[in-house]
C-alpha atoms as a PDB file:
ATOM      1  CA  UNK A   1      30.978 161.994 129.759  1.00  0.00           C
ATOM      2  CA  UNK A   2      34.678 161.234 129.333  1.00  0.00           C
ATOM      3  CA  UNK A   3      34.904 160.067 132.928  1.00  0.00           C
ATOM      4  CA  UNK A   4      31.967 157.695 132.380  1.00  0.00           C
ATOM      5  CA  UNK A   5      33.552 156.262 129.241  1.00  0.00           C
ATOM      6  CA  UNK A   6      36.843 155.807 131.102  1.00  0.00           C
ATOM      7  CA  UNK A   7      35.252 153.804 133.929  1.00  0.00           C
ATOM      8  CA  UNK A   8      33.237 151.762 131.456  1.00  0.00           C
ATOM      9  CA  UNK A   9      36.425 150.872 129.565  1.00  0.00           C
ATOM     10  CA  UNK A  10      38.257 150.124 132.809  1.00  0.00           C
ATOM     11  CA  UNK A  11      35.427 147.865 133.929  1.00  0.00           C
ATOM     12  CA  UNK A  12      35.494 145.979 130.627  1.00  0.00           C
ATOM     13  CA  UNK A  13      39.258 145.450 130.859  1.00  0.00           C
ATOM     14  CA  UNK A  14      38.996 144.169 134.425  1.00  0.00           C
ATOM     15  CA  UNK A  15      36.161 141.819 133.450  1.00  0.00           C
ATOM     16  CA  UNK A  16      38.164 140.392 130.549  1.00  0.00           C
ATOM     17  CA  UNK A  17      41.244 139.982 132.731  1.00  0.00           C
ATOM     18  CA  UNK A  18      39.235 138.197 135.423  1.00  0.00           C
ATOM     19  CA  UNK A  19      37.635 135.957 132.795  1.00  0.00           C
ATOM     20  CA  UNK A  20      41.019 134.933 131.401  1.00  0.00           C
ATOM     21  CA  UNK A  21      42.370 134.376 134.918  1.00  0.00           C
ATOM     22  CA  UNK A  22      39.361 132.192 135.801  1.00  0.00           C
ATOM     23  CA  UNK A  23      39.837 130.100 132.651  1.00  0.00           C
ATOM     24  CA  UNK A  24      43.533 129.642 133.397  1.00  0.00           C
ATOM     25  CA  UNK A  25      42.703 128.354 136.876  1.00  0.00           C
ATOM     26  CA  UNK A  26      39.860 126.062 135.844  1.00  0.00           C
ATOM     27  CA  UNK A  27      40.719 122.452 136.666  1.00  0.00           C
ATOM     28  CA  UNK A  28      41.429 120.511 133.451  1.00  0.00           C
ATOM     29  CA  UNK A  29      39.518 117.337 132.652  1.00  0.00           C
ATOM     30  CA  UNK A  30      41.775 114.281 132.571  1.00  0.00           C
ATOM     31  CA  UNK A  31      41.040 111.290 130.331  1.00  0.00           C
ATOM     32  CA  UNK A  32      42.743 107.905 130.680  1.00  0.00           C
ATOM     33  CA  UNK A  33      42.289 105.739 127.583  1.00  0.00           C
ATOM     34  CA  UNK A  34      39.224 107.739 126.647  1.00  0.00           C
ATOM     35  CA  UNK A  35      37.532 107.690 130.062  1.00  0.00           C
ATOM     36  CA  UNK A  36      37.436 110.679 132.427  1.00  0.00           C
ATOM     37  CA  UNK A  37      39.208 110.279 135.770  1.00  0.00           C
ATOM     38  CA  UNK A  38      37.472 111.584 138.873  1.00  0.00           C
ATOM     39  CA  UNK A  39      39.739 113.108 141.523  1.00  0.00           C
ATOM     40  CA  UNK A  40      38.670 113.825 145.101  1.00  0.00           C
ATOM     41  CA  UNK A  41      41.110 116.760 145.081  1.00  0.00           C
ATOM     42  CA  UNK A  42      40.720 118.597 141.747  1.00  0.00           C
ATOM     43  CA  UNK A  43      43.766 119.058 139.505  1.00  0.00           C
ATOM     44  CA  UNK A  44      45.488 122.441 139.655  1.00  0.00           C
ATOM     45  CA  UNK A  45      47.768 124.260 137.233  1.00  0.00           C
ATOM     46  CA  UNK A  46      50.930 125.868 138.561  1.00  0.00           C
ATOM     47  CA  UNK A  47      53.649 127.487 136.461  1.00  0.00           C
ATOM     48  CA  UNK A  48      52.113 125.837 133.396  1.00  0.00           C
ATOM     49  CA  UNK A  49      52.155 122.311 134.863  1.00  0.00           C
ATOM     50  CA  UNK A  50      49.106 120.228 135.778  1.00  0.00           C
ATOM     51  CA  UNK A  51      49.309 118.789 139.294  1.00  0.00           C
ATOM     52  CA  UNK A  52      47.033 115.875 140.211  1.00  0.00           C
ATOM     53  CA  UNK A  53      46.689 113.560 143.222  1.00  0.00           C
ATOM     54  CA  UNK A  54      49.543 111.094 142.944  1.00  0.00           C
ATOM     55  CA  UNK A  55      47.803 108.071 144.469  1.00  0.00           C
ATOM     56  CA  UNK A  56      44.588 108.485 142.471  1.00  0.00           C
ATOM     57  CA  UNK A  57      46.407 108.803 139.153  1.00  0.00           C
ATOM     58  CA  UNK A  58      48.872 105.968 139.749  1.00  0.00           C
ATOM     59  CA  UNK A  59      46.069 103.624 140.841  1.00  0.00           C
ATOM     60  CA  UNK A  60      43.934 104.589 137.833  1.00  0.00           C
ATOM     61  CA  UNK A  61      46.904 103.691 135.634  1.00  0.00           C
ATOM     62  CA  UNK A  62      47.149 100.262 137.240  1.00  0.00           C
ATOM     63  CA  UNK A  63      50.068 100.819 139.597  1.00  0.00           C
ATOM     64  CA  UNK A  64      50.317  99.503 143.171  1.00  0.00           C
ATOM     65  CA  UNK A  65      51.021 102.257 145.716  1.00  0.00           C
ATOM     66  CA  UNK A  66      52.835 102.033 149.036  1.00  0.00           C
ATOM     67  CA  UNK A  67      53.739 104.732 151.576  1.00  0.00           C
ATOM     68  CA  UNK A  68      56.753 104.781 153.920  1.00  0.00           C
ATOM     69  CA  UNK A  69      55.884 107.117 156.786  1.00  0.00           C
ATOM     70  CA  UNK A  70      59.419 107.071 158.180  1.00  0.00           C
ATOM     71  CA  UNK A  71      61.058 108.307 154.970  1.00  0.00           C
ATOM     72  CA  UNK A  72      57.909 110.041 153.656  1.00  0.00           C
ATOM     73  CA  UNK A  73      58.394 108.224 150.384  1.00  0.00           C
ATOM     74  CA  UNK A  74      55.745 107.053 147.927  1.00  0.00           C
ATOM     75  CA  UNK A  75      56.459 103.983 145.800  1.00  0.00           C
ATOM     76  CA  UNK A  76      54.453 103.004 142.714  1.00  0.00           C
ATOM     77  CA  UNK A  77      54.972  99.644 141.020  1.00  0.00           C
ATOM     78  CA  UNK A  78      53.570  98.583 137.653  1.00  0.00           C
ATOM     79  CA  UNK A  79      54.949  95.567 135.803  1.00  0.00           C
ATOM     80  CA  UNK A  80      58.737  96.053 135.696  1.00  0.00           C
ATOM     81  CA  UNK A  81      58.626  99.769 136.533  1.00  0.00           C
ATOM     82  CA  UNK A  82      59.120 101.140 140.045  1.00  0.00           C
ATOM     83  CA  UNK A  83      58.747 104.859 140.693  1.00  0.00           C
ATOM     84  CA  UNK A  84      59.755 106.306 144.077  1.00  0.00           C
ATOM     85  CA  UNK A  85      59.319 109.862 145.269  1.00  0.00           C
ATOM     86  CA  UNK A  86      60.155 111.614 148.520  1.00  0.00           C
ATOM     87  CA  UNK A  87      57.647 114.292 149.443  1.00  0.00           C
ATOM     88  CA  UNK A  88      59.099 117.746 148.734  1.00  0.00           C
ATOM     89  CA  UNK A  89      61.988 116.494 146.587  1.00  0.00           C
ATOM     90  CA  UNK A  90      62.649 117.996 143.157  1.00  0.00           C
ATOM     91  CA  UNK A  91      63.493 114.578 141.746  1.00  0.00           C
ATOM     92  CA  UNK A  92      62.170 111.000 141.682  1.00  0.00           C
ATOM     93  CA  UNK A  93      63.516 107.609 140.696  1.00  0.00           C
ATOM     94  CA  UNK A  94      62.298 105.341 137.927  1.00  0.00           C
ATOM     95  CA  UNK A  95      63.854 102.032 138.886  1.00  0.00           C
ATOM     96  CA  UNK A  96      67.402 103.288 139.568  1.00  0.00           C
ATOM     97  CA  UNK A  97      67.325 106.221 137.179  1.00  0.00           C
ATOM     98  CA  UNK A  98      67.111 109.666 138.778  1.00  0.00           C
ATOM     99  CA  UNK A  99      64.570 111.932 137.068  1.00  0.00           C
ATOM    100  CA  UNK A 100      64.329 115.670 137.646  1.00  0.00           C
ATOM    101  CA  UNK A 101      60.798 116.969 138.244  1.00  0.00           C
ATOM    102  CA  UNK A 102      59.657 120.129 136.473  1.00  0.00           C
ATOM    103  CA  UNK A 103      57.957 121.113 139.724  1.00  0.00           C
ATOM    104  CA  UNK A 104      58.226 119.551 143.213  1.00  0.00           C
ATOM    105  CA  UNK A 105      55.205 117.778 144.585  1.00  0.00           C
ATOM    106  CA  UNK A 106      53.109 119.469 147.245  1.00  0.00           C
ATOM    107  CA  UNK A 107      50.346 118.625 149.706  1.00  0.00           C
ATOM    108  CA  UNK A 108      46.907 120.102 148.916  1.00  0.00           C
ATOM    109  CA  UNK A 109      43.899 119.176 151.078  1.00  0.00           C
ATOM    110  CA  UNK A 110      45.726 116.099 152.301  1.00  0.00           C
ATOM    111  CA  UNK A 111      46.616 114.836 148.812  1.00  0.00           C
ATOM    112  CA  UNK A 112      50.110 114.602 147.388  1.00  0.00           C
ATOM    113  CA  UNK A 113      49.915 116.584 144.149  1.00  0.00           C
ATOM    114  CA  UNK A 114      52.452 115.755 141.441  1.00  0.00           C
ATOM    115  CA  UNK A 115      53.052 116.813 137.818  1.00  0.00           C
ATOM    116  CA  UNK A 116      50.713 114.659 135.741  1.00  0.00           C
ATOM    117  CA  UNK A 117      52.884 114.358 132.652  1.00  0.00           C
ATOM    118  CA  UNK A 118      55.908 113.249 134.680  1.00  0.00           C
ATOM    119  CA  UNK A 119      53.976 110.552 136.562  1.00  0.00           C
ATOM    120  CA  UNK A 120      52.207 109.159 133.516  1.00  0.00           C
ATOM    121  CA  UNK A 121      55.249 109.123 131.264  1.00  0.00           C
ATOM    122  CA  UNK A 122      57.268 107.474 134.049  1.00  0.00           C
ATOM    123  CA  UNK A 123      54.889 104.505 133.748  1.00  0.00           C
ATOM    124  CA  UNK A 124      55.375 104.397 129.967  1.00  0.00           C
ATOM    125  CA  UNK A 125      52.192 106.220 128.987  1.00  0.00           C
ATOM    126  CA  UNK A 126      51.659 108.986 126.430  1.00  0.00           C
ATOM    127  CA  UNK A 127      50.274 112.381 127.431  1.00  0.00           C
ATOM    128  CA  UNK A 128      48.740 115.225 125.416  1.00  0.00           C
ATOM    129  CA  UNK A 129      47.353 118.594 126.471  1.00  0.00           C
ATOM    130  CA  UNK A 130      44.400 119.951 124.461  1.00  0.00           C
ATOM    131  CA  UNK A 131      44.237 123.705 124.739  1.00  0.00           C
ATOM    132  CA  UNK A 132      40.893 124.014 122.931  1.00  0.00           C
ATOM    133  CA  UNK A 133      39.064 122.088 125.656  1.00  0.00           C
ATOM    134  CA  UNK A 134      41.505 122.452 128.570  1.00  0.00           C
ATOM    135  CA  UNK A 135      41.717 118.685 128.822  1.00  0.00           C
ATOM    136  CA  UNK A 136      44.494 116.128 129.126  1.00  0.00           C
ATOM    137  CA  UNK A 137      44.660 112.777 127.392  1.00  0.00           C
ATOM    138  CA  UNK A 138      46.656 109.873 128.821  1.00  0.00           C
ATOM    139  CA  UNK A 139      47.058 106.805 126.628  1.00  0.00           C
ATOM    140  CA  UNK A 140      48.397 103.534 128.009  1.00  0.00           C
ATOM    141  CA  UNK A 141      47.645 101.510 124.861  1.00  0.00           C
ATOM    142  CA  UNK A 142      50.486 100.692 122.502  1.00  0.00           C
ATOM    143  CA  UNK A 143      48.618  98.530 119.985  1.00  0.00           C
ATOM    144  CA  UNK A 144      47.510 100.137 116.722  1.00  0.00           C
ATOM    145  CA  UNK A 145      44.317  98.319 115.751  1.00  0.00           C
ATOM    146  CA  UNK A 146      42.966 100.711 113.133  1.00  0.00           C
ATOM    147  CA  UNK A 147      44.202 101.181 109.559  1.00  0.00           C
ATOM    148  CA  UNK A 148      44.100 104.410 107.565  1.00  0.00           C
ATOM    149  CA  UNK A 149      42.332 103.699 104.270  1.00  0.00           C
ATOM    150  CA  UNK A 150      42.705 107.129 102.690  1.00  0.00           C
ATOM    151  CA  UNK A 151      45.159 109.909 103.504  1.00  0.00           C
ATOM    152  CA  UNK A 152      43.750 112.088 106.293  1.00  0.00           C
ATOM    153  CA  UNK A 153      45.003 115.093 108.248  1.00  0.00           C
ATOM    154  CA  UNK A 154      45.973 114.559 111.872  1.00  0.00           C
ATOM    155  CA  UNK A 155      44.992 117.739 113.741  1.00  0.00           C
ATOM    156  CA  UNK A 156      45.616 119.081 117.224  1.00  0.00           C
ATOM    157  CA  UNK A 157      42.027 120.372 117.372  1.00  0.00           C
ATOM    158  CA  UNK A 158      38.842 118.681 116.105  1.00  0.00           C
ATOM    159  CA  UNK A 159      38.145 121.460 113.614  1.00  0.00           C
ATOM    160  CA  UNK A 160      38.377 121.030 109.840  1.00  0.00           C
ATOM    161  CA  UNK A 161      37.837 124.713 109.108  1.00  0.00           C
ATOM    162  CA  UNK A 162      41.225 125.872 110.383  1.00  0.00           C
ATOM    163  CA  UNK A 163      44.215 124.435 108.525  1.00  0.00           C
ATOM    164  CA  UNK A 164      46.644 125.870 111.087  1.00  0.00           C
ATOM    165  CA  UNK A 165      45.711 122.948 113.350  1.00  0.00           C
ATOM    166  CA  UNK A 166      47.082 120.299 110.965  1.00  0.00           C
ATOM    167  CA  UNK A 167      49.932 118.303 112.542  1.00  0.00           C
ATOM    168  CA  UNK A 168      50.671 116.094 109.549  1.00  0.00           C
ATOM    169  CA  UNK A 169      49.097 113.778 107.012  1.00  0.00           C
ATOM    170  CA  UNK A 170      48.432 110.168 108.012  1.00  0.00           C
ATOM    171  CA  UNK A 171      49.142 108.016 104.975  1.00  0.00           C
ATOM    172  CA  UNK A 172      47.127 105.140 103.556  1.00  0.00           C
ATOM    173  CA  UNK A 173      47.824 101.835 105.390  1.00  0.00           C
ATOM    174  CA  UNK A 174      49.350 103.651 108.378  1.00  0.00           C
ATOM    175  CA  UNK A 175      48.249 102.079 111.670  1.00  0.00           C
ATOM    176  CA  UNK A 176      46.717 104.096 114.499  1.00  0.00           C
ATOM    177  CA  UNK A 177      44.988 103.570 117.826  1.00  0.00           C
ATOM    178  CA  UNK A 178      41.563 105.163 118.397  1.00  0.00           C
ATOM    179  CA  UNK A 179      41.481 106.615 121.912  1.00  0.00           C
ATOM    180  CA  UNK A 180      37.922 107.924 121.981  1.00  0.00           C
ATOM    181  CA  UNK A 181      35.052 109.282 119.941  1.00  0.00           C
ATOM    182  CA  UNK A 182      34.824 113.055 120.372  1.00  0.00           C
ATOM    183  CA  UNK A 183      31.522 113.391 118.480  1.00  0.00           C
ATOM    184  CA  UNK A 184      29.974 111.952 115.297  1.00  0.00           C
ATOM    185  CA  UNK A 185      32.555 113.779 113.177  1.00  0.00           C
ATOM    186  CA  UNK A 186      35.840 113.341 115.073  1.00  0.00           C
ATOM    187  CA  UNK A 187      38.045 110.656 116.624  1.00  0.00           C
ATOM    188  CA  UNK A 188      40.924 111.207 119.005  1.00  0.00           C
ATOM    189  CA  UNK A 189      43.752 108.943 117.867  1.00  0.00           C
ATOM    190  CA  UNK A 190      47.323 107.964 118.612  1.00  0.00           C
ATOM    191  CA  UNK A 191      49.711 107.646 115.675  1.00  0.00           C
ATOM    192  CA  UNK A 192      52.522 105.112 115.476  1.00  0.00           C
ATOM    193  CA  UNK A 193      55.072 107.749 116.431  1.00  0.00           C
ATOM    194  CA  UNK A 194      53.149 108.477 119.646  1.00  0.00           C
ATOM    195  CA  UNK A 195      51.560 111.718 118.447  1.00  0.00           C
ATOM    196  CA  UNK A 196      48.036 112.209 119.809  1.00  0.00           C
ATOM    197  CA  UNK A 197      45.563 114.207 117.746  1.00  0.00           C
ATOM    198  CA  UNK A 198      42.244 114.143 115.922  1.00  0.00           C
ATOM    199  CA  UNK A 199      41.029 112.794 112.576  1.00  0.00           C
ATOM    200  CA  UNK A 200      37.719 112.815 110.774  1.00  0.00           C
ATOM    201  CA  UNK A 201      35.514 109.832 111.675  1.00  0.00           C
ATOM    202  CA  UNK A 202      34.245 109.610 108.081  1.00  0.00           C
ATOM    203  CA  UNK A 203      34.277 105.972 107.009  1.00  0.00           C
ATOM    204  CA  UNK A 204      36.369 106.673 103.918  1.00  0.00           C
ATOM    205  CA  UNK A 205      39.419 107.507 106.032  1.00  0.00           C
ATOM    206  CA  UNK A 206      39.830 104.461 108.289  1.00  0.00           C
ATOM    207  CA  UNK A 207      38.447 100.999 108.968  1.00  0.00           C
ATOM    208  CA  UNK A 208      37.339 102.003 112.469  1.00  0.00           C
ATOM    209  CA  UNK A 209      33.866 100.727 113.266  1.00  0.00           C
ATOM    210  CA  UNK A 210      31.855 101.029 116.442  1.00  0.00           C
ATOM    211  CA  UNK A 211      28.126 100.802 117.044  1.00  0.00           C
ATOM    212  CA  UNK A 212      28.042 103.873 119.264  1.00  0.00           C
ATOM    213  CA  UNK A 213      29.598 106.199 116.700  1.00  0.00           C
ATOM    214  CA  UNK A 214      27.510 104.648 113.920  1.00  0.00           C
ATOM    215  CA  UNK A 215      24.389 105.575 115.904  1.00  0.00           C
ATOM    216  CA  UNK A 216      25.696 109.122 116.366  1.00  0.00           C
ATOM    217  CA  UNK A 217      26.485 109.364 112.660  1.00  0.00           C
ATOM    218  CA  UNK A 218      22.988 108.146 111.831  1.00  0.00           C
ATOM    219  CA  UNK A 219      21.539 110.876 114.032  1.00  0.00           C
ATOM    220  CA  UNK A 220      23.807 113.418 112.330  1.00  0.00           C
ATOM    221  CA  UNK A 221      22.640 112.310 108.868  1.00  0.00           C
ATOM    222  CA  UNK A 222      18.960 112.701 109.757  1.00  0.00           C
ATOM    223  CA  UNK A 223      19.589 115.997 111.548  1.00  0.00           C
ATOM    224  CA  UNK A 224      21.452 117.448 108.590  1.00  0.00           C
ATOM    225  CA  UNK A 225      18.998 116.056 106.032  1.00  0.00           C
ATOM    226  CA  UNK A 226      16.094 117.563 107.983  1.00  0.00           C
ATOM    227  CA  UNK A 227      17.483 121.025 107.299  1.00  0.00           C
ATOM    228  CA  UNK A 228      16.235 120.623 103.737  1.00  0.00           C
ATOM    229  CA  UNK A 229      12.637 119.690 104.527  1.00  0.00           C
ATOM    230  CA  UNK A 230      10.433 121.210 101.863  1.00  0.00           C
ATOM    231  CA  UNK A 231      13.249 121.712  99.344  1.00  0.00           C
ATOM    232  CA  UNK A 232      11.623 121.272  95.905  1.00  0.00           C
ATOM    233  CA  UNK A 233      11.871 117.998  93.993  1.00  0.00           C
ATOM    234  CA  UNK A 234      13.385 118.027  90.511  1.00  0.00           C
ATOM    235  CA  UNK A 235      14.028 114.853  88.548  1.00  0.00           C
ATOM    236  CA  UNK A 236      17.648 114.876  87.391  1.00  0.00           C
ATOM    237  CA  UNK A 237      18.614 117.699  89.759  1.00  0.00           C
ATOM    238  CA  UNK A 238      22.247 118.751  89.483  1.00  0.00           C
ATOM    239  CA  UNK A 239      24.651 117.363  92.066  1.00  0.00           C
ATOM    240  CA  UNK A 240      26.309 119.561  94.675  1.00  0.00           C
ATOM    241  CA  UNK A 241      23.563 122.195  94.965  1.00  0.00           C
ATOM    242  CA  UNK A 242      20.633 122.543  97.368  1.00  0.00           C
ATOM    243  CA  UNK A 243      18.019 124.496  95.409  1.00  0.00           C
ATOM    244  CA  UNK A 244      16.360 121.263  94.256  1.00  0.00           C
ATOM    245  CA  UNK A 245      16.912 117.542  94.774  1.00  0.00           C
ATOM    246  CA  UNK A 246      15.800 114.259  93.349  1.00  0.00           C
ATOM    247  CA  UNK A 247      15.936 111.167  95.542  1.00  0.00           C
ATOM    248  CA  UNK A 248      19.516 110.138  94.799  1.00  0.00           C
ATOM    249  CA  UNK A 249      21.047 113.632  94.583  1.00  0.00           C
ATOM    250  CA  UNK A 250      19.614 114.299  98.049  1.00  0.00           C
ATOM    251  CA  UNK A 251      21.170 111.115  99.446  1.00  0.00           C
ATOM    252  CA  UNK A 252      24.451 111.874  97.691  1.00  0.00           C
ATOM    253  CA  UNK A 253      24.584 115.421  99.085  1.00  0.00           C
ATOM    254  CA  UNK A 254      23.762 114.444 102.668  1.00  0.00           C
ATOM    255  CA  UNK A 255      26.292 111.605 102.826  1.00  0.00           C
ATOM    256  CA  UNK A 256      28.989 113.745 101.234  1.00  0.00           C
ATOM    257  CA  UNK A 257      28.481 116.555 103.746  1.00  0.00           C
ATOM    258  CA  UNK A 258      28.100 114.479 106.926  1.00  0.00           C
ATOM    259  CA  UNK A 259      30.417 111.534 106.282  1.00  0.00           C
ATOM    260  CA  UNK A 260      32.599 112.748 103.386  1.00  0.00           C
ATOM    261  CA  UNK A 261      31.238 109.684 101.599  1.00  0.00           C
ATOM    262  CA  UNK A 262      31.240 110.032  97.814  1.00  0.00           C
ATOM    263  CA  UNK A 263      28.249 107.997  96.666  1.00  0.00           C
ATOM    264  CA  UNK A 264      27.376 107.476  92.992  1.00  0.00           C
ATOM    265  CA  UNK A 265      24.813 109.851  91.500  1.00  0.00           C
ATOM    266  CA  UNK A 266      21.952 107.433  90.711  1.00  0.00           C
ATOM    267  CA  UNK A 267      20.043 105.109  93.027  1.00  0.00           C
ATOM    268  CA  UNK A 268      20.812 101.940  91.056  1.00  0.00           C
ATOM    269  CA  UNK A 269      24.553 102.465  91.546  1.00  0.00           C
ATOM    270  CA  UNK A 270      24.105 103.586  95.152  1.00  0.00           C
ATOM    271  CA  UNK A 271      22.473 100.201  95.835  1.00  0.00           C
ATOM    272  CA  UNK A 272      25.823  98.554  95.075  1.00  0.00           C
ATOM    273  CA  UNK A 273      27.540 100.373  97.945  1.00  0.00           C
ATOM    274  CA  UNK A 274      28.013  99.149 101.522  1.00  0.00           C
ATOM    275  CA  UNK A 275      26.459  95.922 102.732  1.00  0.00           C
ATOM    276  CA  UNK A 276      22.930  94.571 102.701  1.00  0.00           C
ATOM    277  CA  UNK A 277      20.915  94.633 105.946  1.00  0.00           C
ATOM    278  CA  UNK A 278      17.612  93.029 106.875  1.00  0.00           C
ATOM    279  CA  UNK A 279      14.548  95.120 107.632  1.00  0.00           C
ATOM    280  CA  UNK A 280      14.582  93.900 111.236  1.00  0.00           C
ATOM    281  CA  UNK A 281      18.133  95.249 111.643  1.00  0.00           C
ATOM    282  CA  UNK A 282      17.625  98.733 110.214  1.00  0.00           C
ATOM    283  CA  UNK A 283      19.198 101.713 111.952  1.00  0.00           C
ATOM    284  CA  UNK A 284      19.173 105.435 111.223  1.00  0.00           C
ATOM    285  CA  UNK A 285      21.121 106.321 108.106  1.00  0.00           C
ATOM    286  CA  UNK A 286      20.627 103.018 106.263  1.00  0.00           C
ATOM    287  CA  UNK A 287      19.549 103.445 102.640  1.00  0.00           C
ATOM    288  CA  UNK A 288      16.273 101.950 101.418  1.00  0.00           C
ATOM    289  CA  UNK A 289      15.834 101.126  97.735  1.00  0.00           C
ATOM    290  CA  UNK A 290      12.555 100.708  95.867  1.00  0.00           C
ATOM    291  CA  UNK A 291      11.195  99.931  92.431  1.00  0.00           C
ATOM    292  CA  UNK A 292      10.089 102.985  90.431  1.00  0.00           C
ATOM    293  CA  UNK A 293       9.297 103.967  86.846  1.00  0.00           C
ATOM    294  CA  UNK A 294       9.461 100.325  85.754  1.00  0.00           C
ATOM    295  CA  UNK A 295      13.014  99.961  87.062  1.00  0.00           C
ATOM    296  CA  UNK A 296      14.108  97.254  89.483  1.00  0.00           C
ATOM    297  CA  UNK A 297      15.726 100.025  91.520  1.00  0.00           C
ATOM    298  CA  UNK A 298      14.546 103.523  90.709  1.00  0.00           C
ATOM    299  CA  UNK A 299      14.179 105.248  94.085  1.00  0.00           C
ATOM    300  CA  UNK A 300      16.169 105.657  97.317  1.00  0.00           C
ATOM    301  CA  UNK A 301      15.392 107.085 100.744  1.00  0.00           C
ATOM    302  CA  UNK A 302      17.173 107.317 104.087  1.00  0.00           C
ATOM    303  CA  UNK A 303      15.830 105.306 107.010  1.00  0.00           C
ATOM    304  CA  UNK A 304      15.122 107.834 109.776  1.00  0.00           C
ATOM    305  CA  UNK A 305      14.263 105.461 112.626  1.00  0.00           C
ATOM    306  CA  UNK A 306      10.877 104.705 114.186  1.00  0.00           C
ATOM    307  CA  UNK A 307       9.485 103.367 110.915  1.00  0.00           C
ATOM    308  CA  UNK A 308      10.093 106.563 108.943  1.00  0.00           C
ATOM    309  CA  UNK A 309      11.877 107.448 105.689  1.00  0.00           C
ATOM    310  CA  UNK A 310      13.530 110.781 104.871  1.00  0.00           C
ATOM    311  CA  UNK A 311      13.214 111.159 101.117  1.00  0.00           C
ATOM    312  CA  UNK A 312      12.028 113.190  98.141  1.00  0.00           C
ATOM    313  CA  UNK A 313       9.987 112.192  95.094  1.00  0.00           C
ATOM    314  CA  UNK A 314       7.104 114.676  94.977  1.00  0.00           C
ATOM    315  CA  UNK A 315       7.003 118.217  93.565  1.00  0.00           C
ATOM    316  CA  UNK A 316       4.220 118.978  96.041  1.00  0.00           C
ATOM    317  CA  UNK A 317       6.082 117.751  99.141  1.00  0.00           C
ATOM    318  CA  UNK A 318       9.772 118.062  98.268  1.00  0.00           C
ATOM    319  CA  UNK A 319      12.050 116.618 100.953  1.00  0.00           C
ATOM    320  CA  UNK A 320       9.860 115.129 103.674  1.00  0.00           C
ATOM    321  CA  UNK A 321       9.370 112.280 106.133  1.00  0.00           C
ATOM    322  CA  UNK A 322       7.204 109.333 105.119  1.00  0.00           C
ATOM    323  CA  UNK A 323       5.950 106.350 107.073  1.00  0.00           C
ATOM    324  CA  UNK A 324       7.643 103.127 105.967  1.00  0.00           C
ATOM    325  CA  UNK A 325       4.239 101.472 105.590  1.00  0.00           C
ATOM    326  CA  UNK A 326       2.859  98.615 103.518  1.00  0.00           C
ATOM    327  CA  UNK A 327       2.664 100.812 100.437  1.00  0.00           C
ATOM    328  CA  UNK A 328       6.427 101.293 100.524  1.00  0.00           C
ATOM    329  CA  UNK A 329       7.203  97.769 101.671  1.00  0.00           C
ATOM    330  CA  UNK A 330       5.470  96.396  98.551  1.00  0.00           C
ATOM    331  CA  UNK A 331       7.976  98.311  96.426  1.00  0.00           C
ATOM    332  CA  UNK A 332      10.957  97.639  98.689  1.00  0.00           C
ATOM    333  CA  UNK A 333      13.952  95.911  97.062  1.00  0.00           C
ATOM    334  CA  UNK A 334      16.933  96.113  99.459  1.00  0.00           C
ATOM    335  CA  UNK A 335      18.501  98.048 102.316  1.00  0.00           C
ATOM    336  CA  UNK A 336      22.175  98.960 102.356  1.00  0.00           C
ATOM    337  CA  UNK A 337      24.399 100.081 105.224  1.00  0.00           C
ATOM    338  CA  UNK A 338      27.025 102.552 104.094  1.00  0.00           C
ATOM    339  CA  UNK A 339      28.770 103.200 107.439  1.00  0.00           C
END
């Protein structure tokens, strides 16, 4: 019995060790300005450094490559920067400045493999390693086109539930560059000081707008709202709880959770938010406002796409999907886009 337990424990330890070893040797994904780079020879990690094919990376970054067979030297030229490297050397030159390499280049499957960070930074780019996804970000953009509208945490991992990943606070009016959209909730960004990290994509935090992420956010709103299908209707339901909803408390709760958007409590005031959109231009997540109870605006629902509304107004149905048919169009007042 003890012998069996011993071998079982030994087997578990070996499995865990092999799993960790396999993860450590998995080729990282490399992104250049938000787009993945495909390498014929996969990147490898040696002594903690990521080695990638020199020619493929330099060309992806816009450099012109030349090879001197006699001296076995590679030269990369981009704008006013010239980088030269002799195969096997522990140093390279950037223009006339000698730079020590953290690890000499080597030939793997016919490709000259060089330390990624060294090569990219030599051309003036920024580099960041993301441990959570075993990926590398290279940013060649130095313009900051996006403005922070409300203080937001810059994190080294797209995860709001773990405060240990906070790098620092980005202040209101600080300029950033958006590198890529991670998912409907997170953006990878580059701060003015060159730090690369992640911020919430919620519209309250920055003036970043993009149709693709707006579509993803619309999907996220409907997906999250659908979790409450059948939740009972209660006129005047309290905000911030999910036992019951009325039309506007439901909208308020969903937008607060998905987009960190703090909408007013009642539909009439919600109709003053965002911008008006025409019925022909509706997209998922737009708010639809209707007359009700003798009020010009007394009801709100969320456009769910494909001619449907996600809403609540009935004690019998609770939260449910409804066809945006002629019955509703007769009561329709306006549509507003909040994000």
